[in-house]
């Protein structure tokens, strides 16, 4: 009986596998220039030194361009995020909020599922700015945005509509449910005062709800929720048509 490993064919297979493993470990350095460029079947020994060097430079340039493309895509994604984010608070800006509201309205129209938008207006922002300074006012807005974000679902969208006004898109939420959620969010804001420079600053917000159908215009939905917010301030909130 012959010894294990003495078969020449098996030895050739073993050597071939060893070369493959070494090439994989060394990465691109262990790949022949033609194979690296997607031109298999041409051994390096068949190439002139000049062509071998040219192919190696070409492969390196291709790798550099791939790296630059990946970096450019990362920069584009970062710029897109910045374009959609409020300049003061890490929530959607008005443009991004309206775009997402448009998509939600279209989804509602297509699938017949309910959805609502809540409009929040922070109370007494002028007094906060006058008494504690504008940095405190900015901190209050960031604090409220954090409270809204912490108390909504990942499917909901929180955005700053301007100044001291926020919007929240509540997916798959009818008007009655939206009123309950808006009241709970307002209570969370009131129950979480801002600590600023050793002082506790009470916060509160008025709110209004609009449950939209698939025929709504995004701007109309925001304006309807804004009107409902003023009704809530006057104590004349009405649920339903």
Foldseek 3Di string as FASTA:
>chain_A
DDDPPPDPVVVVVVVVVVLVVVCVVVDPVSDQLCVLVVNPDDDPVNDDPVVSVVSVVVSVVVVVVVVVVVVVVVVVVVVVCVVQADPLERFGEQVNVLVVVLVLLQVCQVPVFKKKKKKKAKPPLVVCCVPPNVVSSSVLLNVLQVLVVVLADPVKGWYAHDDRMIMIIGHRAAQVRVVVSVVVSQVSQQVDFDQDPNDTHGIGIFMFMDIDHSVDRSVNRNVNRVVQSVCVVVVNHDGDD
